[in-house]
């Protein structure tokens, strides 16, 4: 097991974030073991033909057979919602000694590195540029348009949920709700590693004023830390609602709700069991954002929806009245 030791005040600097770069890198796990990620199969089917024009050999090598990735590819976010381009700039500035050390730690010292990595490390500056360019091309070709809007909405809903749990039930309940592997006792957060594919080479991490960042992800089956325990402490955990990624919109039926509201509005109300933005709903329904916005305005004015703003994004969710109507 792994223990995170909290000192006085460390809980005050524990925070949540999500990372588009982390999700980009972790999504490469699907190439190694698609059966572990059934909710991503529709996206994977659409995405595979696009990989042909990308640096497929290198992208595959960024994830080990046991699904670890070098730590430099997932830098700890410096804010709750970093931009992909800003995170990728941090990757481009990785020192050459860190580049090699992180690859060897991920593949375990003594094990053979993939040929594309072994060749690349002989010219680290050029290799680092190739890694960053490959990730940028993969992001823009396979993720940013028809995948990231939905994923971002799920991650936002996750952060909102755990913010409520922390406020209403406290840190202990919040940690234990993140994942069954986690338990909180007397200032120690314990992570069970019993079902890890590969056991981590450490067992004890002190927060010691450095803050702990909690990162939801679509690509973990349980909580996991960084490989290097000397890095600023970060804990990745499975995002709530990730199974909804493969959901189809609810069917349009001639039931009482559809007769009352009309089919488009009934479908929207059923979809909004979890918060979502106008753009995400438009993607899921394959209609224009303008059409969705008009129906959302009517449902909101009727008291069936609430809305909250996060930066430029407005997310809608059902009110209690909306829930009652759906039932």
C-alpha atoms as a PDB file:
ATOM      1  CA  UNK A   1       0.000   0.000   0.000  1.00  0.00           C
ATOM      2  CA  UNK A   2       0.949   3.658  -0.371  1.00  0.00           C
ATOM      3  CA  UNK A   3       0.449   6.240   2.362  1.00  0.00           C
ATOM      4  CA  UNK A   4       0.107   9.984   1.927  1.00  0.00           C
ATOM      5  CA  UNK A   5       0.951  11.674   5.234  1.00  0.00           C
ATOM      6  CA  UNK A   6      -0.770  14.983   5.937  1.00  0.00           C
ATOM      7  CA  UNK A   7       0.616  17.564   8.342  1.00  0.00           C
ATOM      8  CA  UNK A   8      -1.313  20.421   9.936  1.00  0.00           C
ATOM      9  CA  UNK A   9      -2.596  22.658   7.164  1.00  0.00           C
ATOM     10  CA  UNK A  10      -2.047  20.195   4.300  1.00  0.00           C
ATOM     11  CA  UNK A  11      -5.776  19.674   3.819  1.00  0.00           C
ATOM     12  CA  UNK A  12      -6.108  23.399   3.223  1.00  0.00           C
ATOM     13  CA  UNK A  13      -3.845  23.120   0.173  1.00  0.00           C
ATOM     14  CA  UNK A  14      -5.478  19.978  -1.236  1.00  0.00           C
ATOM     15  CA  UNK A  15      -7.270  20.845  -4.466  1.00  0.00           C
ATOM     16  CA  UNK A  16      -8.956  19.408  -7.566  1.00  0.00           C
ATOM     17  CA  UNK A  17      -8.047  19.943 -11.206  1.00  0.00           C
ATOM     18  CA  UNK A  18      -8.330  18.202 -14.541  1.00  0.00           C
ATOM     19  CA  UNK A  19      -5.810  18.071 -17.336  1.00  0.00           C
ATOM     20  CA  UNK A  20      -6.484  17.840 -21.093  1.00  0.00           C
ATOM     21  CA  UNK A  21      -2.864  16.745 -21.610  1.00  0.00           C
ATOM     22  CA  UNK A  22      -3.217  13.952 -19.048  1.00  0.00           C
ATOM     23  CA  UNK A  23      -6.380  12.703 -20.742  1.00  0.00           C
ATOM     24  CA  UNK A  24      -4.644  12.861 -24.127  1.00  0.00           C
ATOM     25  CA  UNK A  25      -1.706  10.781 -22.894  1.00  0.00           C
ATOM     26  CA  UNK A  26      -3.851   8.353 -20.904  1.00  0.00           C
ATOM     27  CA  UNK A  27      -6.122   7.800 -23.904  1.00  0.00           C
ATOM     28  CA  UNK A  28      -3.175   6.078 -25.589  1.00  0.00           C
ATOM     29  CA  UNK A  29      -3.762   3.229 -23.138  1.00  0.00           C
ATOM     30  CA  UNK A  30      -6.686   2.242 -25.367  1.00  0.00           C
ATOM     31  CA  UNK A  31      -4.196   1.316 -28.095  1.00  0.00           C
ATOM     32  CA  UNK A  32      -2.558  -1.235 -25.763  1.00  0.00           C
ATOM     33  CA  UNK A  33      -5.626  -2.709 -24.122  1.00  0.00           C
ATOM     34  CA  UNK A  34      -8.961  -1.538 -25.602  1.00  0.00           C
ATOM     35  CA  UNK A  35     -10.871  -4.195 -23.690  1.00  0.00           C
ATOM     36  CA  UNK A  36     -10.123  -2.372 -20.426  1.00  0.00           C
ATOM     37  CA  UNK A  37     -11.930   0.738 -21.673  1.00  0.00           C
ATOM     38  CA  UNK A  38     -15.284  -0.378 -23.099  1.00  0.00           C
ATOM     39  CA  UNK A  39     -16.849   3.082 -22.792  1.00  0.00           C
ATOM     40  CA  UNK A  40     -14.343   4.414 -25.324  1.00  0.00           C
ATOM     41  CA  UNK A  41     -15.046   1.868 -28.043  1.00  0.00           C
ATOM     42  CA  UNK A  42     -17.277   4.143 -30.173  1.00  0.00           C
ATOM     43  CA  UNK A  43     -14.588   6.847 -30.132  1.00  0.00           C
ATOM     44  CA  UNK A  44     -11.834   4.290 -30.745  1.00  0.00           C
ATOM     45  CA  UNK A  45     -13.616   2.973 -33.848  1.00  0.00           C
ATOM     46  CA  UNK A  46     -13.911   6.488 -35.236  1.00  0.00           C
ATOM     47  CA  UNK A  47     -10.365   7.412 -34.303  1.00  0.00           C
ATOM     48  CA  UNK A  48      -8.364   4.432 -35.569  1.00  0.00           C
ATOM     49  CA  UNK A  49      -8.363   5.401 -39.277  1.00  0.00           C
ATOM     50  CA  UNK A  50      -7.030   8.844 -38.333  1.00  0.00           C
ATOM     51  CA  UNK A  51      -4.003   7.318 -36.617  1.00  0.00           C
ATOM     52  CA  UNK A  52      -2.595   6.263 -39.968  1.00  0.00           C
ATOM     53  CA  UNK A  53      -1.343   9.763 -40.689  1.00  0.00           C
ATOM     54  CA  UNK A  54       0.192  10.233 -37.220  1.00  0.00           C
ATOM     55  CA  UNK A  55       3.431   9.119 -35.546  1.00  0.00           C
ATOM     56  CA  UNK A  56       1.840   5.836 -34.499  1.00  0.00           C
ATOM     57  CA  UNK A  57       5.067   4.058 -33.472  1.00  0.00           C
ATOM     58  CA  UNK A  58       5.994   6.818 -31.040  1.00  0.00           C
ATOM     59  CA  UNK A  59       2.471   7.366 -29.680  1.00  0.00           C
ATOM     60  CA  UNK A  60       2.187   3.677 -28.839  1.00  0.00           C
ATOM     61  CA  UNK A  61       5.570   3.701 -27.081  1.00  0.00           C
ATOM     62  CA  UNK A  62       4.507   6.504 -24.718  1.00  0.00           C
ATOM     63  CA  UNK A  63       2.548   3.907 -22.709  1.00  0.00           C
ATOM     64  CA  UNK A  64       4.160   0.784 -21.243  1.00  0.00           C
ATOM     65  CA  UNK A  65       2.555  -2.674 -21.551  1.00  0.00           C
ATOM     66  CA  UNK A  66       1.404  -2.296 -17.918  1.00  0.00           C
ATOM     67  CA  UNK A  67      -0.101   1.118 -18.795  1.00  0.00           C
ATOM     68  CA  UNK A  68       2.357   3.402 -17.001  1.00  0.00           C
ATOM     69  CA  UNK A  69       3.414   6.628 -18.699  1.00  0.00           C
ATOM     70  CA  UNK A  70       6.550   8.708 -18.074  1.00  0.00           C
ATOM     71  CA  UNK A  71       5.787  11.361 -15.466  1.00  0.00           C
ATOM     72  CA  UNK A  72       7.026  14.281 -17.578  1.00  0.00           C
ATOM     73  CA  UNK A  73       4.089  13.708 -19.947  1.00  0.00           C
ATOM     74  CA  UNK A  74       1.569  14.465 -17.187  1.00  0.00           C
ATOM     75  CA  UNK A  75       2.908  17.524 -15.328  1.00  0.00           C
ATOM     76  CA  UNK A  76       0.927  18.538 -12.271  1.00  0.00           C
ATOM     77  CA  UNK A  77      -1.573  21.234 -13.337  1.00  0.00           C
ATOM     78  CA  UNK A  78      -0.748  24.728 -12.105  1.00  0.00           C
ATOM     79  CA  UNK A  79      -4.427  25.666 -12.075  1.00  0.00           C
ATOM     80  CA  UNK A  80      -7.771  23.882 -11.993  1.00  0.00           C
ATOM     81  CA  UNK A  81      -8.411  23.988 -15.748  1.00  0.00           C
ATOM     82  CA  UNK A  82      -5.171  24.349 -17.702  1.00  0.00           C
ATOM     83  CA  UNK A  83      -5.152  24.722 -21.478  1.00  0.00           C
ATOM     84  CA  UNK A  84      -3.718  21.881 -23.558  1.00  0.00           C
ATOM     85  CA  UNK A  85      -1.267  24.223 -25.332  1.00  0.00           C
ATOM     86  CA  UNK A  86       0.108  25.552 -22.025  1.00  0.00           C
ATOM     87  CA  UNK A  87       0.630  22.042 -20.666  1.00  0.00           C
ATOM     88  CA  UNK A  88       2.339  20.944 -23.871  1.00  0.00           C
ATOM     89  CA  UNK A  89       4.714  23.917 -23.604  1.00  0.00           C
ATOM     90  CA  UNK A  90       5.775  22.581 -20.205  1.00  0.00           C
ATOM     91  CA  UNK A  91       6.495  19.202 -21.790  1.00  0.00           C
ATOM     92  CA  UNK A  92       8.671  20.889 -24.430  1.00  0.00           C
ATOM     93  CA  UNK A  93      10.788  22.407 -21.627  1.00  0.00           C
ATOM     94  CA  UNK A  94      11.535  19.055 -19.961  1.00  0.00           C
ATOM     95  CA  UNK A  95      15.257  18.804 -19.040  1.00  0.00           C
ATOM     96  CA  UNK A  96      17.115  16.110 -20.990  1.00  0.00           C
ATOM     97  CA  UNK A  97      18.090  14.174 -17.844  1.00  0.00           C
ATOM     98  CA  UNK A  98      14.450  14.084 -16.712  1.00  0.00           C
ATOM     99  CA  UNK A  99      13.356  12.878 -20.148  1.00  0.00           C
ATOM    100  CA  UNK A 100      15.542   9.781 -20.007  1.00  0.00           C
ATOM    101  CA  UNK A 101      15.028   9.118 -16.299  1.00  0.00           C
ATOM    102  CA  UNK A 102      11.237   9.206 -16.646  1.00  0.00           C
ATOM    103  CA  UNK A 103      11.210   6.823 -19.608  1.00  0.00           C
ATOM    104  CA  UNK A 104      13.458   4.393 -17.748  1.00  0.00           C
ATOM    105  CA  UNK A 105      11.350   4.635 -14.593  1.00  0.00           C
ATOM    106  CA  UNK A 106       8.170   3.921 -16.552  1.00  0.00           C
ATOM    107  CA  UNK A 107       9.705   0.972 -18.381  1.00  0.00           C
ATOM    108  CA  UNK A 108      11.600  -0.013 -15.205  1.00  0.00           C
ATOM    109  CA  UNK A 109      15.375   0.234 -15.074  1.00  0.00           C
ATOM    110  CA  UNK A 110      16.946  -2.806 -16.724  1.00  0.00           C
ATOM    111  CA  UNK A 111      14.033  -3.523 -19.061  1.00  0.00           C
ATOM    112  CA  UNK A 112      14.526  -2.849 -22.748  1.00  0.00           C
ATOM    113  CA  UNK A 113      13.140   0.430 -24.021  1.00  0.00           C
ATOM    114  CA  UNK A 114      11.119   0.368 -27.263  1.00  0.00           C
ATOM    115  CA  UNK A 115      13.431   0.929 -30.239  1.00  0.00           C
ATOM    116  CA  UNK A 116      11.834   4.278 -31.106  1.00  0.00           C
ATOM    117  CA  UNK A 117      12.542   5.530 -27.571  1.00  0.00           C
ATOM    118  CA  UNK A 118      16.065   4.103 -27.382  1.00  0.00           C
ATOM    119  CA  UNK A 119      16.956   5.774 -30.687  1.00  0.00           C
ATOM    120  CA  UNK A 120      15.335   9.023 -29.685  1.00  0.00           C
ATOM    121  CA  UNK A 121      17.139   9.353 -26.361  1.00  0.00           C
ATOM    122  CA  UNK A 122      20.438   9.483 -28.248  1.00  0.00           C
ATOM    123  CA  UNK A 123      19.308  12.945 -29.475  1.00  0.00           C
ATOM    124  CA  UNK A 124      17.120  14.165 -26.592  1.00  0.00           C
ATOM    125  CA  UNK A 125      16.281  17.668 -27.862  1.00  0.00           C
ATOM    126  CA  UNK A 126      15.031  16.418 -31.215  1.00  0.00           C
ATOM    127  CA  UNK A 127      13.251  13.504 -29.565  1.00  0.00           C
ATOM    128  CA  UNK A 128      11.438  15.747 -27.073  1.00  0.00           C
ATOM    129  CA  UNK A 129      10.262  17.946 -29.922  1.00  0.00           C
ATOM    130  CA  UNK A 130       9.035  14.849 -31.772  1.00  0.00           C
ATOM    131  CA  UNK A 131       7.101  13.677 -28.699  1.00  0.00           C
ATOM    132  CA  UNK A 132       5.405  17.063 -28.253  1.00  0.00           C
ATOM    133  CA  UNK A 133       4.608  17.385 -31.956  1.00  0.00           C
ATOM    134  CA  UNK A 134       3.132  13.879 -32.032  1.00  0.00           C
ATOM    135  CA  UNK A 135       0.870  14.637 -29.061  1.00  0.00           C
ATOM    136  CA  UNK A 136      -0.233  17.937 -30.588  1.00  0.00           C
ATOM    137  CA  UNK A 137      -1.155  16.234 -33.870  1.00  0.00           C
ATOM    138  CA  UNK A 138      -2.993  13.457 -32.017  1.00  0.00           C
ATOM    139  CA  UNK A 139      -4.953  15.991 -29.920  1.00  0.00           C
ATOM    140  CA  UNK A 140      -6.060  18.042 -32.916  1.00  0.00           C
ATOM    141  CA  UNK A 141      -6.775  15.061 -35.176  1.00  0.00           C
ATOM    142  CA  UNK A 142      -8.478  12.611 -32.824  1.00  0.00           C
ATOM    143  CA  UNK A 143      -9.695  14.386 -29.690  1.00  0.00           C
ATOM    144  CA  UNK A 144     -10.409  18.077 -29.680  1.00  0.00           C
ATOM    145  CA  UNK A 145     -13.518  18.168 -31.901  1.00  0.00           C
ATOM    146  CA  UNK A 146     -15.797  15.225 -31.142  1.00  0.00           C
ATOM    147  CA  UNK A 147     -14.316  13.749 -27.949  1.00  0.00           C
ATOM    148  CA  UNK A 148     -12.995  16.427 -25.605  1.00  0.00           C
ATOM    149  CA  UNK A 149     -16.250  18.454 -25.220  1.00  0.00           C
ATOM    150  CA  UNK A 150     -18.033  15.420 -23.774  1.00  0.00           C
ATOM    151  CA  UNK A 151     -15.077  14.391 -21.618  1.00  0.00           C
ATOM    152  CA  UNK A 152     -14.624  17.919 -20.295  1.00  0.00           C
ATOM    153  CA  UNK A 153     -18.263  18.018 -19.240  1.00  0.00           C
ATOM    154  CA  UNK A 154     -17.901  14.738 -17.330  1.00  0.00           C
ATOM    155  CA  UNK A 155     -14.772  16.043 -15.581  1.00  0.00           C
ATOM    156  CA  UNK A 156     -16.520  19.315 -14.676  1.00  0.00           C
ATOM    157  CA  UNK A 157     -19.454  17.383 -13.223  1.00  0.00           C
ATOM    158  CA  UNK A 158     -17.004  15.293 -11.205  1.00  0.00           C
ATOM    159  CA  UNK A 159     -15.363  18.361  -9.695  1.00  0.00           C
ATOM    160  CA  UNK A 160     -18.745  19.864  -8.846  1.00  0.00           C
ATOM    161  CA  UNK A 161     -19.843  16.633  -7.139  1.00  0.00           C
ATOM    162  CA  UNK A 162     -16.777  16.321  -4.922  1.00  0.00           C
ATOM    163  CA  UNK A 163     -16.926  19.993  -4.059  1.00  0.00           C
ATOM    164  CA  UNK A 164     -20.388  19.324  -2.615  1.00  0.00           C
ATOM    165  CA  UNK A 165     -19.235  16.168  -0.798  1.00  0.00           C
ATOM    166  CA  UNK A 166     -16.337  18.061   0.798  1.00  0.00           C
ATOM    167  CA  UNK A 167     -18.596  20.922   1.887  1.00  0.00           C
ATOM    168  CA  UNK A 168     -21.373  18.708   3.243  1.00  0.00           C
ATOM    169  CA  UNK A 169     -19.540  15.630   4.601  1.00  0.00           C
ATOM    170  CA  UNK A 170     -15.887  16.561   5.088  1.00  0.00           C
ATOM    171  CA  UNK A 171     -12.533  15.423   3.738  1.00  0.00           C
ATOM    172  CA  UNK A 172     -12.729  11.844   5.024  1.00  0.00           C
ATOM    173  CA  UNK A 173     -15.955  11.123   3.178  1.00  0.00           C
ATOM    174  CA  UNK A 174     -14.623  12.853   0.072  1.00  0.00           C
ATOM    175  CA  UNK A 175     -11.425  10.781  -0.088  1.00  0.00           C
ATOM    176  CA  UNK A 176     -13.208   7.490   0.477  1.00  0.00           C
ATOM    177  CA  UNK A 177     -15.795   8.347  -2.182  1.00  0.00           C
ATOM    178  CA  UNK A 178     -13.068   8.933  -4.792  1.00  0.00           C
ATOM    179  CA  UNK A 179     -12.222   5.231  -5.033  1.00  0.00           C
ATOM    180  CA  UNK A 180     -12.653   2.039  -3.048  1.00  0.00           C
ATOM    181  CA  UNK A 181      -8.848   1.746  -2.875  1.00  0.00           C
ATOM    182  CA  UNK A 182      -8.621   4.856  -0.680  1.00  0.00           C
ATOM    183  CA  UNK A 183      -9.147   5.170   3.074  1.00  0.00           C
ATOM    184  CA  UNK A 184      -8.603   8.115   5.418  1.00  0.00           C
ATOM    185  CA  UNK A 185      -7.525   7.684   9.047  1.00  0.00           C
ATOM    186  CA  UNK A 186      -5.832  10.101  11.456  1.00  0.00           C
ATOM    187  CA  UNK A 187      -4.247  12.346   8.866  1.00  0.00           C
ATOM    188  CA  UNK A 188      -3.136   9.519   6.581  1.00  0.00           C
ATOM    189  CA  UNK A 189      -4.590   8.756   3.182  1.00  0.00           C
ATOM    190  CA  UNK A 190      -3.943   5.098   2.363  1.00  0.00           C
ATOM    191  CA  UNK A 191      -4.035   3.723  -1.164  1.00  0.00           C
ATOM    192  CA  UNK A 192      -4.334  -0.051  -1.559  1.00  0.00           C
ATOM    193  CA  UNK A 193      -2.127  -1.380  -4.366  1.00  0.00           C
ATOM    194  CA  UNK A 194      -3.373  -4.966  -4.179  1.00  0.00           C
ATOM    195  CA  UNK A 195      -4.785  -4.965  -7.709  1.00  0.00           C
ATOM    196  CA  UNK A 196      -2.065  -2.865  -9.395  1.00  0.00           C
ATOM    197  CA  UNK A 197      -0.814  -4.411 -12.650  1.00  0.00           C
ATOM    198  CA  UNK A 198       2.716  -3.506 -11.496  1.00  0.00           C
ATOM    199  CA  UNK A 199       3.567  -2.687  -7.903  1.00  0.00           C
ATOM    200  CA  UNK A 200       4.858   0.837  -7.287  1.00  0.00           C
ATOM    201  CA  UNK A 201       8.477   0.977  -6.038  1.00  0.00           C
ATOM    202  CA  UNK A 202       7.619   3.139  -3.013  1.00  0.00           C
ATOM    203  CA  UNK A 203       5.131   3.174  -0.180  1.00  0.00           C
ATOM    204  CA  UNK A 204       5.251   6.468   1.682  1.00  0.00           C
ATOM    205  CA  UNK A 205       4.783  10.092   0.587  1.00  0.00           C
ATOM    206  CA  UNK A 206       4.670  13.139   2.828  1.00  0.00           C
ATOM    207  CA  UNK A 207       2.577  16.057   1.623  1.00  0.00           C
ATOM    208  CA  UNK A 208       4.726  18.372   3.787  1.00  0.00           C
ATOM    209  CA  UNK A 209       3.236  21.661   2.660  1.00  0.00           C
ATOM    210  CA  UNK A 210       3.444  20.864  -1.049  1.00  0.00           C
ATOM    211  CA  UNK A 211      -0.304  20.412  -1.522  1.00  0.00           C
ATOM    212  CA  UNK A 212      -2.036  17.366  -2.978  1.00  0.00           C
ATOM    213  CA  UNK A 213      -3.765  17.723  -6.351  1.00  0.00           C
ATOM    214  CA  UNK A 214      -6.599  15.301  -7.119  1.00  0.00           C
ATOM    215  CA  UNK A 215      -7.150  14.632 -10.819  1.00  0.00           C
ATOM    216  CA  UNK A 216     -10.174  12.781 -12.249  1.00  0.00           C
ATOM    217  CA  UNK A 217      -9.525  10.773 -15.391  1.00  0.00           C
ATOM    218  CA  UNK A 218     -11.482   8.739 -17.895  1.00  0.00           C
ATOM    219  CA  UNK A 219      -8.692   6.147 -18.154  1.00  0.00           C
ATOM    220  CA  UNK A 220      -8.063   4.682 -14.700  1.00  0.00           C
ATOM    221  CA  UNK A 221      -9.824   1.767 -13.082  1.00  0.00           C
ATOM    222  CA  UNK A 222      -8.624   2.893  -9.662  1.00  0.00           C
ATOM    223  CA  UNK A 223      -6.681   5.635  -7.902  1.00  0.00           C
ATOM    224  CA  UNK A 224      -2.999   5.932  -8.805  1.00  0.00           C
ATOM    225  CA  UNK A 225      -0.122   8.310  -7.950  1.00  0.00           C
ATOM    226  CA  UNK A 226       2.816   9.482 -10.030  1.00  0.00           C
ATOM    227  CA  UNK A 227       5.702   7.060 -10.494  1.00  0.00           C
ATOM    228  CA  UNK A 228       8.227   9.361  -8.789  1.00  0.00           C
ATOM    229  CA  UNK A 229       7.333   9.984  -5.111  1.00  0.00           C
ATOM    230  CA  UNK A 230       9.664  13.012  -5.015  1.00  0.00           C
ATOM    231  CA  UNK A 231       7.491  14.971  -7.469  1.00  0.00           C
ATOM    232  CA  UNK A 232       4.783  17.259  -6.053  1.00  0.00           C
ATOM    233  CA  UNK A 233       2.094  14.842  -4.815  1.00  0.00           C
ATOM    234  CA  UNK A 234      -0.640  14.068  -7.318  1.00  0.00           C
ATOM    235  CA  UNK A 235      -3.354  11.446  -7.152  1.00  0.00           C
ATOM    236  CA  UNK A 236      -5.343  10.383 -10.220  1.00  0.00           C
ATOM    237  CA  UNK A 237      -8.725   8.734  -9.679  1.00  0.00           C
ATOM    238  CA  UNK A 238     -11.572   7.413 -11.901  1.00  0.00           C
ATOM    239  CA  UNK A 239     -13.990  10.161 -12.915  1.00  0.00           C
ATOM    240  CA  UNK A 240     -17.617   9.805 -11.894  1.00  0.00           C
ATOM    241  CA  UNK A 241     -19.953   9.260 -14.807  1.00  0.00           C
ATOM    242  CA  UNK A 242     -17.267   8.071 -17.221  1.00  0.00           C
ATOM    243  CA  UNK A 243     -19.557   5.233 -18.297  1.00  0.00           C
ATOM    244  CA  UNK A 244     -21.912   7.817 -19.814  1.00  0.00           C
ATOM    245  CA  UNK A 245     -19.323   8.528 -22.516  1.00  0.00           C
ATOM    246  CA  UNK A 246     -20.750   5.722 -24.643  1.00  0.00           C
ATOM    247  CA  UNK A 247     -24.401   6.450 -23.905  1.00  0.00           C
ATOM    248  CA  UNK A 248     -26.737   7.053 -26.787  1.00  0.00           C
ATOM    249  CA  UNK A 249     -29.351   9.798 -26.427  1.00  0.00           C
ATOM    250  CA  UNK A 250     -32.554   8.532 -24.844  1.00  0.00           C
ATOM    251  CA  UNK A 251     -35.057   7.302 -27.405  1.00  0.00           C
ATOM    252  CA  UNK A 252     -37.869   9.566 -28.493  1.00  0.00           C
ATOM    253  CA  UNK A 253     -41.042   7.815 -27.381  1.00  0.00           C
ATOM    254  CA  UNK A 254     -44.666   8.804 -27.439  1.00  0.00           C
ATOM    255  CA  UNK A 255     -44.936   8.824 -23.633  1.00  0.00           C
ATOM    256  CA  UNK A 256     -46.497  11.412 -21.360  1.00  0.00           C
ATOM    257  CA  UNK A 257     -43.307  13.470 -20.983  1.00  0.00           C
ATOM    258  CA  UNK A 258     -42.837  13.805 -24.738  1.00  0.00           C
ATOM    259  CA  UNK A 259     -46.509  14.714 -25.215  1.00  0.00           C
ATOM    260  CA  UNK A 260     -46.237  17.359 -22.498  1.00  0.00           C
ATOM    261  CA  UNK A 261     -42.953  19.000 -23.478  1.00  0.00           C
ATOM    262  CA  UNK A 262     -42.441  17.975 -27.069  1.00  0.00           C
ATOM    263  CA  UNK A 263     -39.868  15.377 -28.082  1.00  0.00           C
ATOM    264  CA  UNK A 264     -36.779  17.621 -28.342  1.00  0.00           C
ATOM    265  CA  UNK A 265     -37.291  19.130 -24.879  1.00  0.00           C
ATOM    266  CA  UNK A 266     -38.185  15.790 -23.314  1.00  0.00           C
ATOM    267  CA  UNK A 267     -34.973  14.288 -24.668  1.00  0.00           C
ATOM    268  CA  UNK A 268     -32.907  17.211 -23.340  1.00  0.00           C
ATOM    269  CA  UNK A 269     -34.479  16.928 -19.911  1.00  0.00           C
ATOM    270  CA  UNK A 270     -33.708  13.208 -19.771  1.00  0.00           C
ATOM    271  CA  UNK A 271     -30.091  13.838 -20.788  1.00  0.00           C
ATOM    272  CA  UNK A 272     -29.579  16.386 -18.026  1.00  0.00           C
ATOM    273  CA  UNK A 273     -29.512  13.967 -15.116  1.00  0.00           C
ATOM    274  CA  UNK A 274     -25.852  15.105 -14.983  1.00  0.00           C
ATOM    275  CA  UNK A 275     -24.786  18.704 -15.729  1.00  0.00           C
ATOM    276  CA  UNK A 276     -23.892  19.450 -19.344  1.00  0.00           C
ATOM    277  CA  UNK A 277     -23.164  22.438 -21.552  1.00  0.00           C
ATOM    278  CA  UNK A 278     -25.028  23.533 -24.666  1.00  0.00           C
ATOM    279  CA  UNK A 279     -22.118  22.455 -26.867  1.00  0.00           C
ATOM    280  CA  UNK A 280     -21.931  19.008 -25.332  1.00  0.00           C
ATOM    281  CA  UNK A 281     -25.670  18.450 -25.668  1.00  0.00           C
ATOM    282  CA  UNK A 282     -25.504  19.520 -29.303  1.00  0.00           C
ATOM    283  CA  UNK A 283     -22.714  16.989 -29.923  1.00  0.00           C
ATOM    284  CA  UNK A 284     -24.669  14.208 -28.281  1.00  0.00           C
ATOM    285  CA  UNK A 285     -27.875  14.971 -30.174  1.00  0.00           C
ATOM    286  CA  UNK A 286     -26.161  15.834 -33.467  1.00  0.00           C
ATOM    287  CA  UNK A 287     -27.964  19.163 -33.761  1.00  0.00           C
ATOM    288  CA  UNK A 288     -26.818  22.778 -33.743  1.00  0.00           C
ATOM    289  CA  UNK A 289     -25.987  24.556 -30.437  1.00  0.00           C
ATOM    290  CA  UNK A 290     -28.518  27.231 -31.388  1.00  0.00           C
ATOM    291  CA  UNK A 291     -31.350  24.713 -31.514  1.00  0.00           C
ATOM    292  CA  UNK A 292     -30.355  23.288 -28.142  1.00  0.00           C
ATOM    293  CA  UNK A 293     -30.061  26.760 -26.609  1.00  0.00           C
ATOM    294  CA  UNK A 294     -33.625  27.681 -27.517  1.00  0.00           C
ATOM    295  CA  UNK A 295     -35.047  24.580 -25.834  1.00  0.00           C
ATOM    296  CA  UNK A 296     -32.819  24.998 -22.769  1.00  0.00           C
ATOM    297  CA  UNK A 297     -34.085  28.548 -22.325  1.00  0.00           C
ATOM    298  CA  UNK A 298     -37.688  27.321 -22.260  1.00  0.00           C
ATOM    299  CA  UNK A 299     -36.905  24.535 -19.774  1.00  0.00           C
ATOM    300  CA  UNK A 300     -34.949  26.951 -17.586  1.00  0.00           C
ATOM    301  CA  UNK A 301     -37.727  29.549 -17.573  1.00  0.00           C
ATOM    302  CA  UNK A 302     -40.176  26.798 -16.553  1.00  0.00           C
ATOM    303  CA  UNK A 303     -38.050  25.970 -13.492  1.00  0.00           C
ATOM    304  CA  UNK A 304     -37.039  22.523 -14.763  1.00  0.00           C
ATOM    305  CA  UNK A 305     -33.335  23.366 -15.094  1.00  0.00           C
ATOM    306  CA  UNK A 306     -30.705  25.257 -13.137  1.00  0.00           C
ATOM    307  CA  UNK A 307     -27.550  26.718 -14.657  1.00  0.00           C
ATOM    308  CA  UNK A 308     -24.080  27.553 -13.394  1.00  0.00           C
ATOM    309  CA  UNK A 309     -21.230  29.369 -15.116  1.00  0.00           C
ATOM    310  CA  UNK A 310     -17.594  28.228 -15.074  1.00  0.00           C
ATOM    311  CA  UNK A 311     -15.481  30.699 -17.039  1.00  0.00           C
ATOM    312  CA  UNK A 312     -17.067  30.953 -20.476  1.00  0.00           C
ATOM    313  CA  UNK A 313     -19.037  27.723 -20.130  1.00  0.00           C
ATOM    314  CA  UNK A 314     -22.601  27.529 -18.809  1.00  0.00           C
ATOM    315  CA  UNK A 315     -23.764  24.119 -17.584  1.00  0.00           C
ATOM    316  CA  UNK A 316     -27.373  23.062 -17.109  1.00  0.00           C
ATOM    317  CA  UNK A 317     -28.757  20.457 -14.728  1.00  0.00           C
ATOM    318  CA  UNK A 318     -32.209  19.329 -13.726  1.00  0.00           C
ATOM    319  CA  UNK A 319     -33.856  20.919 -10.716  1.00  0.00           C
ATOM    320  CA  UNK A 320     -35.854  18.868  -8.254  1.00  0.00           C
ATOM    321  CA  UNK A 321     -38.964  19.767 -10.236  1.00  0.00           C
ATOM    322  CA  UNK A 322     -37.238  18.516 -13.386  1.00  0.00           C
ATOM    323  CA  UNK A 323     -36.338  15.254 -11.641  1.00  0.00           C
ATOM    324  CA  UNK A 324     -39.925  14.789 -10.452  1.00  0.00           C
ATOM    325  CA  UNK A 325     -41.253  15.426 -13.943  1.00  0.00           C
ATOM    326  CA  UNK A 326     -38.883  12.840 -15.442  1.00  0.00           C
ATOM    327  CA  UNK A 327     -40.134  10.275 -12.971  1.00  0.00           C
END
